[in-house]
Amino acid sequence: MKIHLKAFVRLLRPSYWLMTGGLSVLVMITLQRGFPDAYRMTLVFLSAALTTSGGFAFNDYCDWQADAIVKPDRPIPSKQFSPSHVAILSAMLFLAGLGTAFIINFLSFGIILADTALLIGYSAFLKRKSGVLSNLIVGLLIGTVFLYGEAALLQRVSVASFSLSFMSMGSIGGNVLRDILSLEGDLKTGYPTLPSKHGINPSAKIGALFFFLTIIASPVPYLVEAVNSTYLIPIAIWDCLLFYSALSLLKKPDVQNVKRQERLVTMSMILLPISLVVGALV
């Protein structure tokens, strides 16, 4: 079986490493008010990235039969990888992520172990049982990225990293919108997502609700002194964009508008890491 580099990249989804490993490193910089040692930052980035790719590979392994219906160009349905090879690759990535986290400290290892268990449970069971629960699990996984940064830096998890983890509610809203956009495929494969069970209109409004919750939570890192006041400038811009998208979804919860607002929210999320950098270093 010939394996193409492009298929390998699609399997690992390295673009998401910045969302996991990159954000964990940014939390370290934020709480340090400067740059920790490069060795520790490298270990944090690698452990988070390896675990992320392990989760994506395992998800492809669990979904390959459904992907054969709605995404036949994915690596397994297109026969560029066999299911057994992807399962082995996923296990190797998970073990490498756990091993790298263990080098950092035991608390970091515990968080990566919990993430690994959630990723496996999500792909193998949870996404087939409840769409709402699946959305919340995705948000929880992103939220642990912030906790991981503090655990790796200070060997603790405190109100500082918890306050930053509230930003993951925006990703829950975005995930609900993406479920609306993939509704046709989810109906074919029988996934019980929020839109497939309750329709587009209420799902769009629930997505908007999570954007409003993100706005409410956004000043908390400043209030608990996890960041300086300069953090408030880019985060206020993000809040305005989220507020606009949420209002738009409440007024016009149709597929075309969901597509526009999902794109806007996804692009606007660059303001979160910018706000962390500014809040730490300026």
Protein backbone atom coordinates (compact mmCIF):
# COMPACT_ATOMS: atom_id res chain seq x y z
CA MET A 1 0.00 0.00 0.00
CA LYS A 2 1.52 3.29 -1.11
CA ILE A 3 1.37 6.05 1.48
CA HIS A 4 1.37 9.65 0.29
CA LEU A 5 2.79 12.49 2.36
CA LYS A 6 -0.34 14.58 1.76
CA ALA A 7 -2.54 11.85 3.22
CA PHE A 8 -0.22 11.55 6.22
CA VAL A 9 -0.51 15.30 6.86
CA ARG A 10 -4.30 15.13 6.52
CA LEU A 11 -4.32 12.35 9.09
CA LEU A 12 -2.23 14.26 11.66
CA ARG A 13 -3.77 17.72 11.00
CA PRO A 14 -0.68 19.71 12.10
CA SER A 15 -2.52 23.01 11.66
CA TYR A 16 -4.24 22.25 14.98
CA TRP A 17 -0.93 22.04 16.84
CA LEU A 18 -0.99 25.82 17.25
CA MET A 19 -4.40 25.60 18.94
CA THR A 20 -3.18 23.03 21.47
CA GLY A 21 0.58 23.12 21.90
CA GLY A 22 0.81 26.75 20.83
CA LEU A 23 -1.84 27.93 23.30
CA SER A 24 -0.26 25.93 26.14
CA VAL A 25 3.08 27.63 25.46
CA LEU A 26 1.34 31.02 25.31
CA VAL A 27 -0.19 30.38 28.73
CA MET A 28 3.30 29.67 30.04
CA ILE A 29 4.55 32.96 28.61
CA THR A 30 1.51 34.79 29.98
CA LEU A 31 1.91 33.51 33.54
CA GLN A 32 5.71 33.88 33.47
CA ARG A 33 5.37 37.45 32.10
CA GLY A 34 8.19 36.43 29.80
CA PHE A 35 9.71 33.38 28.14
CA PRO A 36 10.35 30.18 30.15
CA ASP A 37 13.29 28.00 29.14
CA ALA A 38 13.13 26.78 25.56
CA TYR A 39 13.52 23.10 26.52
CA ARG A 40 10.38 23.11 28.66
CA MET A 41 8.38 25.04 26.06
CA THR A 42 9.46 22.53 23.40
CA LEU A 43 8.36 19.59 25.54
CA VAL A 44 4.99 21.23 26.21
CA PHE A 45 4.39 21.95 22.54
CA LEU A 46 5.44 18.44 21.47
CA SER A 47 3.39 16.60 24.07
CA ALA A 48 0.25 18.57 23.23
CA ALA A 49 0.82 18.27 19.47
CA LEU A 50 1.45 14.51 19.62
CA THR A 51 -1.70 13.97 21.69
CA THR A 52 -3.73 16.14 19.32
CA SER A 53 -2.59 14.18 16.28
CA GLY A 54 -3.19 10.92 18.12
CA GLY A 55 -6.76 12.03 18.74
CA PHE A 56 -7.33 12.97 15.10
CA ALA A 57 -5.86 9.68 13.87
CA PHE A 58 -8.02 7.68 16.29
CA ASN A 59 -11.07 9.66 15.20
CA ASP A 60 -10.33 8.75 11.57
CA TYR A 61 -10.01 5.11 12.62
CA CYS A 62 -13.40 5.17 14.38
CA ASP A 63 -15.11 7.13 11.58
CA TRP A 64 -13.70 5.48 8.48
CA GLN A 65 -16.91 3.65 7.55
CA ALA A 66 -18.97 6.83 7.91
CA ASP A 67 -16.28 8.79 6.05
CA ALA A 68 -16.59 6.31 3.18
CA ILE A 69 -20.12 7.69 2.69
CA VAL A 70 -19.61 11.43 3.17
CA LYS A 71 -15.81 11.96 2.96
CA PRO A 72 -14.45 9.27 0.62
CA ASP A 73 -11.23 11.21 0.07
CA ARG A 74 -10.15 10.82 3.72
CA PRO A 75 -6.95 8.74 4.16
CA ILE A 76 -8.62 5.44 5.15
CA PRO A 77 -11.61 5.37 2.74
CA SER A 78 -9.30 6.38 -0.11
CA LYS A 79 -7.13 3.36 0.82
CA GLN A 80 -4.01 5.40 1.42
CA PHE A 81 -3.93 3.98 4.95
CA SER A 82 -5.45 0.81 6.34
CA PRO A 83 -7.58 1.04 9.53
CA SER A 84 -5.09 -1.14 11.44
CA HIS A 85 -2.15 1.08 10.46
CA VAL A 86 -4.01 4.19 11.61
CA ALA A 87 -4.90 2.53 14.93
CA ILE A 88 -1.23 1.65 15.50
CA LEU A 89 -0.12 5.16 14.53
CA SER A 90 -2.67 6.67 16.92
CA ALA A 91 -1.43 4.49 19.80
CA MET A 92 2.18 5.47 19.09
CA LEU A 93 1.28 9.17 19.06
CA PHE A 94 -0.65 8.91 22.32
CA LEU A 95 2.22 7.04 24.00
CA ALA A 96 4.76 9.57 22.71
CA GLY A 97 2.62 12.44 24.02
CA LEU A 98 2.30 10.78 27.43
CA GLY A 99 6.00 10.04 27.59
CA THR A 100 6.93 13.61 26.73
CA ALA A 101 4.50 14.98 29.32
CA PHE A 102 5.95 12.65 31.97
CA ILE A 103 9.37 14.24 31.42
CA ILE A 104 7.87 17.65 32.32
CA ASN A 105 6.19 16.72 35.62
CA PHE A 106 3.59 14.36 37.04
CA LEU A 107 0.71 16.88 36.94
CA SER A 108 1.36 17.50 33.24
CA PHE A 109 1.34 13.75 32.67
CA GLY A 110 -2.01 13.52 34.49
CA ILE A 111 -3.60 16.18 32.29
CA ILE A 112 -2.35 14.57 29.06
CA LEU A 113 -3.55 11.18 30.35
CA ALA A 114 -7.02 12.65 30.99
CA ASP A 115 -7.02 14.28 27.54
CA THR A 116 -6.05 10.98 25.93
CA ALA A 117 -8.89 9.19 27.71
CA LEU A 118 -11.35 11.92 26.64
CA LEU A 119 -10.18 11.79 23.02
CA ILE A 120 -10.56 8.02 22.91
CA GLY A 121 -13.95 8.11 24.65
CA TYR A 122 -15.18 10.92 22.42
CA SER A 123 -14.32 9.19 19.14
CA ALA A 124 -15.28 5.66 20.18
CA PHE A 125 -18.48 6.29 22.14
CA LEU A 126 -19.59 9.80 23.08
CA LYS A 127 -20.07 11.34 19.62
CA ARG A 128 -22.40 8.47 18.76
CA LYS A 129 -24.55 9.01 21.86
CA SER A 130 -25.09 12.75 22.30
CA GLY A 131 -24.33 15.73 20.11
CA VAL A 132 -24.57 18.20 22.99
CA LEU A 133 -22.20 16.15 25.13
CA SER A 134 -19.79 15.90 22.21
CA ASN A 135 -19.75 19.69 21.83
CA LEU A 136 -19.05 20.10 25.55
CA ILE A 137 -16.25 17.51 25.45
CA VAL A 138 -14.57 19.39 22.58
CA GLY A 139 -14.75 22.57 24.67
CA LEU A 140 -13.38 20.76 27.72
CA LEU A 141 -10.44 19.43 25.72
CA ILE A 142 -9.57 22.93 24.52
CA GLY A 143 -10.02 24.25 28.05
CA THR A 144 -7.43 21.81 29.41
CA VAL A 145 -4.89 23.36 27.05
CA PHE A 146 -4.83 26.43 29.32
CA LEU A 147 -4.54 24.31 32.48
CA TYR A 148 -1.71 22.35 30.89
CA GLY A 149 0.36 25.49 30.37
CA GLU A 150 0.24 26.38 34.07
CA ALA A 151 0.81 22.78 35.17
CA ALA A 152 3.92 22.55 33.00
CA LEU A 153 5.27 25.89 34.19
CA LEU A 154 4.40 25.94 37.89
CA GLN A 155 3.35 22.36 38.70
CA ARG A 156 -0.09 23.56 39.75
CA VAL A 157 -3.50 24.49 38.40
CA SER A 158 -4.97 27.68 39.85
CA VAL A 159 -7.64 30.29 39.27
CA ALA A 160 -5.33 31.97 36.73
CA SER A 161 -5.40 29.13 34.19
CA PHE A 162 -9.04 28.34 34.99
CA SER A 163 -9.96 31.93 34.14
CA LEU A 164 -8.22 31.58 30.77
CA SER A 165 -9.89 28.22 30.10
CA PHE A 166 -13.31 29.92 30.05
CA MET A 167 -12.39 31.15 26.57
CA SER A 168 -13.02 27.60 25.34
CA MET A 169 -16.76 28.36 25.41
CA GLY A 170 -16.26 30.23 22.14
CA SER A 171 -14.96 27.01 20.57
CA ILE A 172 -18.09 25.17 21.79
CA GLY A 173 -20.24 27.72 19.96
CA GLY A 174 -18.11 27.36 16.84
CA ASN A 175 -18.36 23.58 17.04
CA VAL A 176 -22.18 23.79 17.18
CA LEU A 177 -22.13 25.95 14.04
CA ARG A 178 -19.88 23.47 12.24
CA ASP A 179 -22.37 20.71 13.13
CA ILE A 180 -25.05 22.74 11.35
CA LEU A 181 -22.84 22.97 8.25
CA SER A 182 -22.22 19.21 8.29
CA LEU A 183 -25.87 18.36 8.96
CA GLU A 184 -26.46 16.58 5.64
CA GLY A 185 -23.57 14.19 6.17
CA ASP A 186 -24.44 13.61 9.84
CA LEU A 187 -28.00 12.64 8.87
CA LYS A 188 -26.64 10.11 6.37
CA THR A 189 -24.30 8.54 8.92
CA GLY A 190 -26.72 8.77 11.87
CA TYR A 191 -24.63 10.96 14.17
CA PRO A 192 -26.95 12.46 16.85
CA THR A 193 -25.66 16.03 16.62
CA LEU A 194 -27.61 18.95 18.05
CA PRO A 195 -28.86 20.09 14.60
CA SER A 196 -29.84 16.56 13.54
CA LYS A 197 -31.91 16.13 16.71
CA HIS A 198 -33.36 19.60 17.23
CA GLY A 199 -32.97 21.45 13.95
CA ILE A 200 -30.93 24.36 12.62
CA ASN A 201 -32.79 27.26 14.26
CA PRO A 202 -32.39 26.24 17.94
CA SER A 203 -28.85 24.99 17.30
CA ALA A 204 -27.78 28.35 15.87
CA LYS A 205 -29.22 30.07 18.94
CA ILE A 206 -27.35 27.72 21.26
CA GLY A 207 -24.15 28.54 19.37
CA ALA A 208 -24.93 32.24 19.90
CA LEU A 209 -25.45 31.58 23.63
CA PHE A 210 -21.94 30.21 23.97
CA PHE A 211 -20.57 33.33 22.25
CA PHE A 212 -22.39 35.49 24.79
CA LEU A 213 -20.95 33.38 27.63
CA THR A 214 -17.46 33.84 26.17
CA ILE A 215 -17.96 37.61 26.18
CA ILE A 216 -19.05 37.55 29.84
CA ALA A 217 -16.05 35.42 30.82
CA SER A 218 -13.47 37.37 28.80
CA PRO A 219 -12.55 39.99 31.47
CA VAL A 220 -12.03 37.37 34.20
CA PRO A 221 -8.30 36.75 33.48
CA TYR A 222 -7.69 40.47 34.04
CA LEU A 223 -9.85 40.56 37.17
CA VAL A 224 -7.84 37.73 38.75
CA GLU A 225 -4.59 39.42 37.64
CA ALA A 226 -3.53 36.64 35.28
CA VAL A 227 -2.86 39.33 32.62
CA ASN A 228 -2.22 43.11 32.49
CA SER A 229 -4.74 45.70 31.40
CA THR A 230 -3.36 45.73 27.83
CA TYR A 231 -5.03 42.33 27.40
CA LEU A 232 -8.38 44.10 27.44
CA ILE A 233 -7.79 45.92 24.12
CA PRO A 234 -7.59 42.96 21.70
CA ILE A 235 -10.04 40.93 23.78
CA ALA A 236 -12.58 43.78 23.56
CA ILE A 237 -12.30 43.69 19.76
CA TRP A 238 -12.92 39.93 19.87
CA ASP A 239 -15.91 40.48 22.15
CA CYS A 240 -17.39 42.94 19.66
CA LEU A 241 -17.03 40.44 16.81
CA LEU A 242 -18.56 37.65 18.90
CA PHE A 243 -21.42 39.94 19.93
CA TYR A 244 -22.09 40.82 16.30
CA SER A 245 -22.07 37.14 15.27
CA ALA A 246 -24.31 36.11 18.16
CA LEU A 247 -26.88 38.81 17.38
CA SER A 248 -26.78 37.93 13.70
CA LEU A 249 -27.43 34.26 14.49
CA LEU A 250 -30.37 35.15 16.72
CA LYS A 251 -31.91 37.30 14.00
CA LYS A 252 -31.17 35.05 11.04
CA PRO A 253 -30.42 31.44 12.02
CA ASP A 254 -30.27 30.00 8.50
CA VAL A 255 -27.50 27.92 6.94
CA GLN A 256 -26.02 30.69 4.80
CA ASN A 257 -25.72 33.06 7.76
CA VAL A 258 -24.34 30.26 9.95
CA LYS A 259 -21.64 29.72 7.33
CA ARG A 260 -20.75 33.42 7.33
CA GLN A 261 -20.67 33.72 11.11
CA GLU A 262 -18.70 30.49 11.58
CA ARG A 263 -16.05 31.83 9.21
CA LEU A 264 -15.97 35.20 10.99
CA VAL A 265 -15.69 33.64 14.45
CA THR A 266 -12.99 31.20 13.34
CA MET A 267 -10.91 34.01 11.82
CA SER A 268 -11.46 36.26 14.85
CA MET A 269 -10.04 33.66 17.24
CA ILE A 270 -6.55 34.87 16.32
CA LEU A 271 -7.31 37.72 18.71
CA LEU A 272 -7.19 35.34 21.69
CA PRO A 273 -3.47 34.46 21.41
CA ILE A 274 -2.75 38.08 20.51
CA SER A 275 -4.49 39.21 23.71
CA LEU A 276 -2.41 36.73 25.77
CA VAL A 277 0.86 37.95 24.26
CA VAL A 278 -0.09 41.60 24.72
CA GLY A 279 -1.35 40.96 28.24
CA ALA A 280 1.89 39.30 29.22
CA LEU A 281 4.61 41.27 27.47
CA VAL A 282 3.30 44.82 26.85
